[in-house]
PDB file of N, CA and C in Angstrom:
ATOM      1  N   LEU A   1      41.935 126.351  86.777  1.00  0.00           N
ATOM      2  CA  LEU A   1      43.073 126.659  88.400  1.00  0.00           C
ATOM      3  C   LEU A   1      43.142 124.958  88.760  1.00  0.00           C
ATOM      4  N   LYS A   2      44.274 124.791  89.156  1.00  0.00           N
ATOM      5  CA  LYS A   2      44.657 123.787  89.909  1.00  0.00           C
ATOM      6  C   LYS A   2      43.809 123.294  91.275  1.00  0.00           C
ATOM      7  N   SER A   3      43.752 122.109  91.674  1.00  0.00           N
ATOM      8  CA  SER A   3      42.802 121.912  92.880  1.00  0.00           C
ATOM      9  C   SER A   3      44.417 121.403  94.042  1.00  0.00           C
ATOM     10  N   ILE A   4      44.051 121.920  95.057  1.00  0.00           N
ATOM     11  CA  ILE A   4      45.408 121.614  96.258  1.00  0.00           C
ATOM     12  C   ILE A   4      45.764 120.044  96.244  1.00  0.00           C
ATOM     13  N   SER A   5      44.873 118.967  95.643  1.00  0.00           N
ATOM     14  CA  SER A   5      45.615 117.708  95.449  1.00  0.00           C
ATOM     15  C   SER A   5      46.666 117.793  94.207  1.00  0.00           C
ATOM     16  N   ASP A   6      45.778 118.601  93.318  1.00  0.00           N
ATOM     17  CA  ASP A   6      47.089 118.552  92.166  1.00  0.00           C
ATOM     18  C   ASP A   6      47.874 119.085  92.563  1.00  0.00           C
ATOM     19  N   VAL A   7      48.335 120.223  93.285  1.00  0.00           N
ATOM     20  CA  VAL A   7      49.424 120.994  93.593  1.00  0.00           C
ATOM     21  C   VAL A   7      50.417 120.029  94.563  1.00  0.00           C
ATOM     22  N   SER A   8      49.792 118.970  95.191  1.00  0.00           N
ATOM     23  CA  SER A   8      50.446 118.051  96.110  1.00  0.00           C
ATOM     24  C   SER A   8      51.459 117.252  95.147  1.00  0.00           C
ATOM     25  N   VAL A   9      50.255 116.592  94.347  1.00  0.00           N
ATOM     26  CA  VAL A   9      51.007 115.736  93.590  1.00  0.00           C
ATOM     27  C   VAL A   9      52.399 116.478  92.776  1.00  0.00           C
ATOM     28  N   ILE A  10      52.103 117.679  92.129  1.00  0.00           N
ATOM     29  CA  ILE A  10      53.099 118.372  91.348  1.00  0.00           C
ATOM     30  C   ILE A  10      54.359 118.279  92.541  1.00  0.00           C
ATOM     31  N   ASN A  11      53.947 118.774  93.676  1.00  0.00           N
ATOM     32  CA  ASN A  11      55.098 118.916  94.788  1.00  0.00           C
ATOM     33  C   ASN A  11      55.975 117.784  95.399  1.00  0.00           C
ATOM     34  N   GLN A  12      55.210 116.500  95.096  1.00  0.00           N
ATOM     35  CA  GLN A  12      56.170 115.074  95.492  1.00  0.00           C
ATOM     36  C   GLN A  12      57.447 115.038  95.178  1.00  0.00           C
ATOM     37  N   PRO A  13      57.666 115.432  93.964  1.00  0.00           N
ATOM     38  CA  PRO A  13      59.120 115.465  93.126  1.00  0.00           C
ATOM     39  C   PRO A  13      59.860 116.262  93.820  1.00  0.00           C
ATOM     40  N   ALA A  14      59.330 117.574  94.175  1.00  0.00           N
ATOM     41  CA  ALA A  14      60.043 118.335  94.801  1.00  0.00           C
ATOM     42  C   ALA A  14      60.359 117.935  96.238  1.00  0.00           C
ATOM     43  N   ARG A  15      59.292 117.549  96.791  1.00  0.00           N
ATOM     44  CA  ARG A  15      59.555 116.970  98.399  1.00  0.00           C
ATOM     45  C   ARG A  15      60.825 116.073  98.319  1.00  0.00           C
ATOM     46  N   LYS A  16      60.847 115.346  97.353  1.00  0.00           N
ATOM     47  CA  LYS A  16      61.992 113.910  97.344  1.00  0.00           C
ATOM     48  C   LYS A  16      63.039 114.775  97.422  1.00  0.00           C
ATOM     49  N   ILE A  17      63.032 115.749  96.694  1.00  0.00           N
ATOM     50  CA  ILE A  17      64.402 116.414  96.619  1.00  0.00           C
ATOM     51  C   ILE A  17      64.980 117.330  97.556  1.00  0.00           C
ATOM     52  N   ILE A  18      64.003 117.925  98.502  1.00  0.00           N
ATOM     53  CA  ILE A  18      64.344 118.654  99.681  1.00  0.00           C
ATOM     54  C   ILE A  18      64.086 117.646 100.931  1.00  0.00           C
ATOM     55  N   ASP A  19      63.760 116.913 101.324  1.00  0.00           N
ATOM     56  CA  ASP A  19      63.868 115.644 101.898  1.00  0.00           C
ATOM     57  C   ASP A  19      65.538 115.361 101.711  1.00  0.00           C
ATOM     58  N   TRP A  20      65.709 115.028 100.330  1.00  0.00           N
ATOM     59  CA  TRP A  20      67.187 114.399 100.504  1.00  0.00           C
ATOM     60  C   TRP A  20      68.365 115.170 100.977  1.00  0.00           C
ATOM     61  N   LYS A  21      67.877 116.449 100.466  1.00  0.00           N
ATOM     62  CA  LYS A  21      69.394 117.440 100.909  1.00  0.00           C
ATOM     63  C   LYS A  21      69.024 118.137 102.367  1.00  0.00           C
ATOM     64  N   PHE A  22      68.249 117.814 103.134  1.00  0.00           N
ATOM     65  CA  PHE A  22      67.878 117.652 104.333  1.00  0.00           C
ATOM     66  C   PHE A  22      68.444 116.951 105.125  1.00  0.00           C
ATOM     67  N   ASN A  23      68.431 115.930 104.781  1.00  0.00           N
ATOM     68  CA  ASN A  23      68.760 115.032 105.423  1.00  0.00           C
ATOM     69  C   ASN A  23      70.159 114.705 105.030  1.00  0.00           C
ATOM     70  N   ARG A  24      70.538 115.071 103.919  1.00  0.00           N
ATOM     71  CA  ARG A  24      72.352 115.150 104.082  1.00  0.00           C
ATOM     72  C   ARG A  24      72.988 116.610 104.724  1.00  0.00           C
ATOM     73  N   LEU A  25      71.900 117.239 105.145  1.00  0.00           N
ATOM     74  CA  LEU A  25      72.375 118.468 106.157  1.00  0.00           C
ATOM     75  C   LEU A  25      72.614 118.468 107.624  1.00  0.00           C
ATOM     76  N   ASP A  26      71.096 117.092 107.658  1.00  0.00           N
ATOM     77  CA  ASP A  26      71.211 116.868 109.480  1.00  0.00           C
ATOM     78  C   ASP A  26      71.637 115.632 109.730  1.00  0.00           C
ATOM     79  N   LEU A  27      73.100 116.220 110.078  1.00  0.00           N
ATOM     80  CA  LEU A  27      74.044 115.254 110.251  1.00  0.00           C
ATOM     81  C   LEU A  27      73.729 113.856 111.375  1.00  0.00           C
ATOM     82  N   ASN A  28      73.208 114.616 112.090  1.00  0.00           N
ATOM     83  CA  ASN A  28      73.030 113.738 113.690  1.00  0.00           C
ATOM     84  C   ASN A  28      71.787 113.256 113.509  1.00  0.00           C
ATOM     85  N   ARG A  29      70.834 113.510 112.274  1.00  0.00           N
ATOM     86  CA  ARG A  29      69.563 113.033 112.398  1.00  0.00           C
ATOM     87  C   ARG A  29      68.981 113.525 113.658  1.00  0.00           C
ATOM     88  N   ASP A  30      68.428 114.578 113.978  1.00  0.00           N
ATOM     89  CA  ASP A  30      67.621 114.946 115.566  1.00  0.00           C
ATOM     90  C   ASP A  30      66.387 115.705 114.524  1.00  0.00           C
ATOM     91  N   GLY A  31      66.298 115.764 113.182  1.00  0.00           N
ATOM     92  CA  GLY A  31      65.442 116.668 112.773  1.00  0.00           C
ATOM     93  C   GLY A  31      65.491 118.179 112.427  1.00  0.00           C
ATOM     94  N   LYS A  32      66.862 118.796 112.756  1.00  0.00           N
ATOM     95  CA  LYS A  32      66.758 120.013 112.679  1.00  0.00           C
ATOM     96  C   LYS A  32      68.128 120.483 111.829  1.00  0.00           C
ATOM     97  N   ILE A  33      68.618 121.273 111.275  1.00  0.00           N
ATOM     98  CA  ILE A  33      70.010 121.743 111.107  1.00  0.00           C
ATOM     99  C   ILE A  33      70.286 122.571 112.320  1.00  0.00           C
ATOM    100  N   SER A  34      71.519 121.991 112.940  1.00  0.00           N
ATOM    101  CA  SER A  34      72.117 122.929 114.064  1.00  0.00           C
ATOM    102  C   SER A  34      72.584 124.214 113.456  1.00  0.00           C
ATOM    103  N   ALA A  35      73.242 124.661 114.162  1.00  0.00           N
ATOM    104  CA  ALA A  35      74.205 126.061 113.740  1.00  0.00           C
ATOM    105  C   ALA A  35      75.506 125.448 113.246  1.00  0.00           C
ATOM    106  N   GLN A  36      76.042 124.118 113.891  1.00  0.00           N
ATOM    107  CA  GLN A  36      77.009 123.676 113.390  1.00  0.00           C
ATOM    108  C   GLN A  36      76.751 122.612 111.678  1.00  0.00           C
ATOM    109  N   GLU A  37      76.196 122.363 111.584  1.00  0.00           N
ATOM    110  CA  GLU A  37      75.370 121.597 110.525  1.00  0.00           C
ATOM    111  C   GLU A  37      75.154 122.313 109.613  1.00  0.00           C
ATOM    112  N   MET A  38      74.680 123.951 109.896  1.00  0.00           N
ATOM    113  CA  MET A  38      74.725 125.230 108.842  1.00  0.00           C
ATOM    114  C   MET A  38      75.786 125.102 108.423  1.00  0.00           C
ATOM    115  N   ARG A  39      76.876 125.066 108.412  1.00  0.00           N
ATOM    116  CA  ARG A  39      78.045 125.554 108.109  1.00  0.00           C
ATOM    117  C   ARG A  39      77.930 124.595 106.680  1.00  0.00           C
ATOM    118  N   ASN A  40      77.858 123.731 106.486  1.00  0.00           N
ATOM    119  CA  ASN A  40      77.371 122.777 105.118  1.00  0.00           C
ATOM    120  C   ASN A  40      76.794 123.602 104.410  1.00  0.00           C
ATOM    121  N   LEU A  41      75.803 124.052 105.085  1.00  0.00           N
ATOM    122  CA  LEU A  41      74.894 124.731 104.010  1.00  0.00           C
ATOM    123  C   LEU A  41      75.328 126.503 103.733  1.00  0.00           C
ATOM    124  N   ARG A  42      76.444 126.537 104.550  1.00  0.00           N
ATOM    125  CA  ARG A  42      76.593 128.551 104.033  1.00  0.00           C
ATOM    126  C   ARG A  42      77.399 127.925 102.792  1.00  0.00           C
ATOM    127  N   ARG A  43      78.389 126.713 103.016  1.00  0.00           N
ATOM    128  CA  ARG A  43      79.364 126.495 102.382  1.00  0.00           C
ATOM    129  C   ARG A  43      78.881 126.284 100.660  1.00  0.00           C
ATOM    130  N   MET A  44      77.556 124.885 100.845  1.00  0.00           N
ATOM    131  CA  MET A  44      77.124 124.999  99.712  1.00  0.00           C
ATOM    132  C   MET A  44      76.299 126.179  98.762  1.00  0.00           C
ATOM    133  N   VAL A  45      75.555 127.478  99.912  1.00  0.00           N
ATOM    134  CA  VAL A  45      75.273 128.346  99.228  1.00  0.00           C
ATOM    135  C   VAL A  45      76.037 129.317  98.928  1.00  0.00           C
ATOM    136  N   HIS A  46      77.233 129.655  99.465  1.00  0.00           N
ATOM    137  CA  HIS A  46      78.444 130.728  98.788  1.00  0.00           C
ATOM    138  C   HIS A  46      78.918 129.863  97.570  1.00  0.00           C
ATOM    139  N   SER A  47      78.959 128.354  97.579  1.00  0.00           N
ATOM    140  CA  SER A  47      79.654 128.090  96.114  1.00  0.00           C
ATOM    141  C   SER A  47      78.743 128.122  95.015  1.00  0.00           C
ATOM    142  N   ALA A  48      77.656 127.333  95.149  1.00  0.00           N
ATOM    143  CA  ALA A  48      76.635 127.666  93.738  1.00  0.00           C
ATOM    144  C   ALA A  48      75.615 128.388  93.956  1.00  0.00           C
ATOM    145  N   ILE A  49      74.781 128.784  95.031  1.00  0.00           N
ATOM    146  CA  ILE A  49      73.498 129.493  94.784  1.00  0.00           C
ATOM    147  C   ILE A  49      73.426 130.955  94.702  1.00  0.00           C
ATOM    148  N   ILE A  50      73.885 131.624  95.983  1.00  0.00           N
ATOM    149  CA  ILE A  50      73.774 132.611  95.491  1.00  0.00           C
ATOM    150  C   ILE A  50      74.794 133.808  95.911  1.00  0.00           C
ATOM    151  N   GLN A  51      74.622 134.662  95.153  1.00  0.00           N
ATOM    152  CA  GLN A  51      75.605 136.147  94.916  1.00  0.00           C
ATOM    153  C   GLN A  51      74.837 137.337  95.087  1.00  0.00           C
ATOM    154  N   PRO A  52      75.579 138.343  96.161  1.00  0.00           N
ATOM    155  CA  PRO A  52      76.574 138.023  96.770  1.00  0.00           C
ATOM    156  C   PRO A  52      76.814 137.156  98.197  1.00  0.00           C
ATOM    157  N   THR A  53      78.037 137.610  98.548  1.00  0.00           N
ATOM    158  CA  THR A  53      78.191 136.413  99.313  1.00  0.00           C
ATOM    159  C   THR A  53      77.249 137.034 100.612  1.00  0.00           C
ATOM    160  N   SER A  54      77.003 138.281 100.682  1.00  0.00           N
ATOM    161  CA  SER A  54      76.017 138.462 102.458  1.00  0.00           C
ATOM    162  C   SER A  54      75.007 138.106 102.171  1.00  0.00           C
ATOM    163  N   CYS A  55      74.495 137.971 101.059  1.00  0.00           N
ATOM    164  CA  CYS A  55      73.240 137.242 101.095  1.00  0.00           C
ATOM    165  C   CYS A  55      73.320 135.852 101.001  1.00  0.00           C
ATOM    166  N   ALA A  56      74.459 135.044 100.883  1.00  0.00           N
ATOM    167  CA  ALA A  56      74.345 133.544 101.284  1.00  0.00           C
ATOM    168  C   ALA A  56      74.660 133.771 102.912  1.00  0.00           C
ATOM    169  N   ASP A  57      75.268 134.732 103.526  1.00  0.00           N
ATOM    170  CA  ASP A  57      75.453 134.538 104.752  1.00  0.00           C
ATOM    171  C   ASP A  57      74.069 134.429 105.298  1.00  0.00           C
ATOM    172  N   ARG A  58      73.147 135.437 104.795  1.00  0.00           N
ATOM    173  CA  ARG A  58      71.280 135.388 105.327  1.00  0.00           C
ATOM    174  C   ARG A  58      71.137 134.591 104.977  1.00  0.00           C
ATOM    175  N   PHE A  59      70.905 133.993 104.248  1.00  0.00           N
ATOM    176  CA  PHE A  59      70.109 132.847 103.929  1.00  0.00           C
ATOM    177  C   PHE A  59      69.745 131.348 105.183  1.00  0.00           C
ATOM    178  N   PRO A  60      70.596 131.019 105.609  1.00  0.00           N
ATOM    179  CA  PRO A  60      70.139 130.317 106.809  1.00  0.00           C
ATOM    180  C   PRO A  60      69.384 130.920 107.954  1.00  0.00           C
ATOM    181  N   LYS A  61      69.846 132.330 107.899  1.00  0.00           N
ATOM    182  CA  LYS A  61      68.735 132.875 109.241  1.00  0.00           C
ATOM    183  C   LYS A  61      67.508 133.121 108.728  1.00  0.00           C
ATOM    184  N   TYR A  62      67.163 133.543 107.096  1.00  0.00           N
ATOM    185  CA  TYR A  62      65.451 133.384 107.056  1.00  0.00           C
ATOM    186  C   TYR A  62      65.148 132.413 106.813  1.00  0.00           C
ATOM    187  N   CYS A  63      65.902 131.367 107.045  1.00  0.00           N
ATOM    188  CA  CYS A  63      65.010 129.653 107.048  1.00  0.00           C
ATOM    189  C   CYS A  63      64.291 129.487 108.447  1.00  0.00           C
ATOM    190  N   ASP A  64      65.124 129.847 109.254  1.00  0.00           N
ATOM    191  CA  ASP A  64      64.862 129.911 110.777  1.00  0.00           C
ATOM    192  C   ASP A  64      63.761 131.020 110.949  1.00  0.00           C
ATOM    193  N   LEU A  65      62.950 129.761 110.483  1.00  0.00           N
ATOM    194  CA  LEU A  65      61.335 131.019 110.597  1.00  0.00           C
ATOM    195  C   LEU A  65      61.032 131.308 112.237  1.00  0.00           C
ATOM    196  N   ASP A  66      61.468 129.896 113.202  1.00  0.00           N
ATOM    197  CA  ASP A  66      61.005 130.449 114.520  1.00  0.00           C
ATOM    198  C   ASP A  66      61.834 130.819 115.563  1.00  0.00           C
ATOM    199  N   HIS A  67      63.037 131.461 114.803  1.00  0.00           N
ATOM    200  CA  HIS A  67      64.512 132.040 115.296  1.00  0.00           C
ATOM    201  C   HIS A  67      64.871 131.274 116.339  1.00  0.00           C
ATOM    202  N   ASP A  68      65.096 129.925 116.345  1.00  0.00           N
ATOM    203  CA  ASP A  68      65.428 128.826 117.590  1.00  0.00           C
ATOM    204  C   ASP A  68      67.167 128.367 117.236  1.00  0.00           C
ATOM    205  N   ARG A  69      67.388 129.008 116.213  1.00  0.00           N
ATOM    206  CA  ARG A  69      68.891 128.963 115.532  1.00  0.00           C
ATOM    207  C   ARG A  69      69.002 127.638 114.770  1.00  0.00           C
ATOM    208  N   LYS A  70      68.042 127.020 114.627  1.00  0.00           N
ATOM    209  CA  LYS A  70      67.504 125.476 113.833  1.00  0.00           C
ATOM    210  C   LYS A  70      66.956 125.529 112.444  1.00  0.00           C
ATOM    211  N   ILE A  71      67.031 124.694 111.793  1.00  0.00           N
ATOM    212  CA  ILE A  71      66.286 124.752 110.774  1.00  0.00           C
ATOM    213  C   ILE A  71      65.418 123.409 110.676  1.00  0.00           C
ATOM    214  N   SER A  72      64.293 123.617 111.174  1.00  0.00           N
ATOM    215  CA  SER A  72      63.336 122.174 111.186  1.00  0.00           C
ATOM    216  C   SER A  72      63.365 121.960 109.722  1.00  0.00           C
ATOM    217  N   ARG A  73      62.837 120.178 109.376  1.00  0.00           N
ATOM    218  CA  ARG A  73      62.408 120.078 108.153  1.00  0.00           C
ATOM    219  C   ARG A  73      61.375 120.722 107.324  1.00  0.00           C
ATOM    220  N   SER A  74      60.092 121.422 108.281  1.00  0.00           N
ATOM    221  CA  SER A  74      59.281 122.025 107.713  1.00  0.00           C
ATOM    222  C   SER A  74      59.752 123.432 107.374  1.00  0.00           C
ATOM    223  N   GLU A  75      60.628 123.915 107.785  1.00  0.00           N
ATOM    224  CA  GLU A  75      61.330 125.236 108.060  1.00  0.00           C
ATOM    225  C   GLU A  75      61.785 125.232 106.356  1.00  0.00           C
ATOM    226  N   TRP A  76      62.689 124.371 106.745  1.00  0.00           N
ATOM    227  CA  TRP A  76      63.600 124.041 105.055  1.00  0.00           C
ATOM    228  C   TRP A  76      62.470 123.232 104.200  1.00  0.00           C
ATOM    229  N   ALA A  77      61.617 122.727 104.154  1.00  0.00           N
ATOM    230  CA  ALA A  77      60.804 122.725 103.206  1.00  0.00           C
ATOM    231  C   ALA A  77      60.017 124.159 102.738  1.00  0.00           C
ATOM    232  N   VAL A  78      59.261 124.753 103.021  1.00  0.00           N
ATOM    233  CA  VAL A  78      58.779 126.421 103.231  1.00  0.00           C
ATOM    234  C   VAL A  78      60.091 127.187 103.222  1.00  0.00           C
ATOM    235  N   CYS A  79      61.413 127.153 103.154  1.00  0.00           N
ATOM    236  CA  CYS A  79      62.122 128.209 102.431  1.00  0.00           C
ATOM    237  C   CYS A  79      62.585 127.574 101.062  1.00  0.00           C
ATOM    238  N   MET A  80      62.415 126.233 100.972  1.00  0.00           N
ATOM    239  CA  MET A  80      62.604 125.772  99.716  1.00  0.00           C
ATOM    240  C   MET A  80      61.365 125.754  98.338  1.00  0.00           C
ATOM    241  N   GLY A  81      60.372 126.285  99.004  1.00  0.00           N
ATOM    242  CA  GLY A  81      59.163 126.439  98.181  1.00  0.00           C
ATOM    243  C   GLY A  81      58.030 125.493  98.118  1.00  0.00           C
ATOM    244  N   VAL A  82      58.102 124.783  99.135  1.00  0.00           N
ATOM    245  CA  VAL A  82      57.410 123.142  99.354  1.00  0.00           C
ATOM    246  C   VAL A  82      56.340 123.097 100.615  1.00  0.00           C
ATOM    247  N   ASP A  83      55.716 122.977 100.077  1.00  0.00           N
ATOM    248  CA  ASP A  83      54.666 122.892 101.179  1.00  0.00           C
ATOM    249  C   ASP A  83      54.300 124.327 101.686  1.00  0.00           C
ATOM    250  N   ILE A  84      53.866 125.426 100.784  1.00  0.00           N
ATOM    251  CA  ILE A  84      53.558 126.554 100.935  1.00  0.00           C
ATOM    252  C   ILE A  84      51.685 126.191 101.231  1.00  0.00           C
ATOM    253  N   ASN A  85      50.964 125.403 100.853  1.00  0.00           N
ATOM    254  CA  ASN A  85      49.878 125.261 101.156  1.00  0.00           C
ATOM    255  C   ASN A  85      49.598 124.902 102.890  1.00  0.00           C
ATOM    256  N   ASN A  86      50.699 124.915 103.513  1.00  0.00           N
ATOM    257  CA  ASN A  86      50.248 124.422 104.979  1.00  0.00           C
ATOM    258  C   ASN A  86      49.921 125.720 105.581  1.00  0.00           C
ATOM    259  N   PHE A  87      48.605 125.529 106.129  1.00  0.00           N
ATOM    260  CA  PHE A  87      48.400 127.171 106.942  1.00  0.00           C
ATOM    261  C   PHE A  87      49.435 127.967 108.269  1.00  0.00           C
ATOM    262  N   GLN A  88      49.501 126.725 109.062  1.00  0.00           N
ATOM    263  CA  GLN A  88      50.519 126.879 110.158  1.00  0.00           C
ATOM    264  C   GLN A  88      52.003 127.582 109.613  1.00  0.00           C
ATOM    265  N   LEU A  89      52.726 126.743 108.749  1.00  0.00           N
ATOM    266  CA  LEU A  89      53.613 127.262 108.030  1.00  0.00           C
ATOM    267  C   LEU A  89      53.766 128.353 107.078  1.00  0.00           C
ATOM    268  N   GLN A  90      52.648 129.207 106.428  1.00  0.00           N
ATOM    269  CA  GLN A  90      52.729 129.694 106.097  1.00  0.00           C
ATOM    270  C   GLN A  90      52.187 131.733 107.037  1.00  0.00           C
ATOM    271  N   LYS A  91      51.859 130.956 108.143  1.00  0.00           N
ATOM    272  CA  LYS A  91      51.368 132.033 109.213  1.00  0.00           C
ATOM    273  C   LYS A  91      53.082 132.372 109.653  1.00  0.00           C
ATOM    274  N   ILE A  92      53.491 131.482 110.200  1.00  0.00           N
ATOM    275  CA  ILE A  92      54.943 131.617 110.749  1.00  0.00           C
ATOM    276  C   ILE A  92      55.697 132.489 109.703  1.00  0.00           C
ATOM    277  N   LEU A  93      55.851 131.914 108.291  1.00  0.00           N
ATOM    278  CA  LEU A  93      56.415 133.017 107.028  1.00  0.00           C
ATOM    279  C   LEU A  93      55.935 133.803 107.261  1.00  0.00           C
ATOM    280  N   THR A  94      55.082 134.560 107.021  1.00  0.00           N
ATOM    281  CA  THR A  94      54.510 135.897 107.117  1.00  0.00           C
ATOM    282  C   THR A  94      54.838 136.465 108.196  1.00  0.00           C
ATOM    283  N   GLN A  95      54.814 136.141 109.293  1.00  0.00           N
ATOM    284  CA  GLN A  95      55.087 137.077 110.915  1.00  0.00           C
ATOM    285  C   GLN A  95      56.940 137.329 110.685  1.00  0.00           C
ATOM    286  N   HIS A  96      57.364 135.897 109.933  1.00  0.00           N
ATOM    287  CA  HIS A  96      58.873 136.418 109.925  1.00  0.00           C
ATOM    288  C   HIS A  96      59.216 137.151 108.905  1.00  0.00           C
ATOM    289  N   TRP A  97      58.300 137.496 108.011  1.00  0.00           N
ATOM    290  CA  TRP A  97      59.182 138.752 106.921  1.00  0.00           C
ATOM    291  C   TRP A  97      58.365 140.134 107.292  1.00  0.00           C
ATOM    292  N   MET A  98      57.678 139.443 108.235  1.00  0.00           N
ATOM    293  CA  MET A  98      57.029 141.502 108.676  1.00  0.00           C
ATOM    294  C   MET A  98      58.127 142.037 109.536  1.00  0.00           C
ATOM    295  N   GLU A  99      58.757 141.058 110.140  1.00  0.00           N
ATOM    296  CA  GLU A  99      59.618 141.908 110.906  1.00  0.00           C
ATOM    297  C   GLU A  99      60.415 142.661 110.385  1.00  0.00           C
TER     298      GLU A  99
END
């Protein structure tokens, strides 16, 4: 088994990629992807990642773990599969998927 420190080292390259994409989507640099900025995310998801379209439309909603209609950097990282060892975010994610 890998230790938690091994996992965090493995996640560093992924974290850089996740941060880079978040920064590209967060146009006003307020630390959250707003509804307006999510349009770019929806276009990206529609065009390349998720089919059918209904799944792509729901993708931002599932990333918005606290339901504030914005995606924070932490929510983005969890949604992309990075930082899953963070207990607080794990708790939010668990509550979100139980609803």
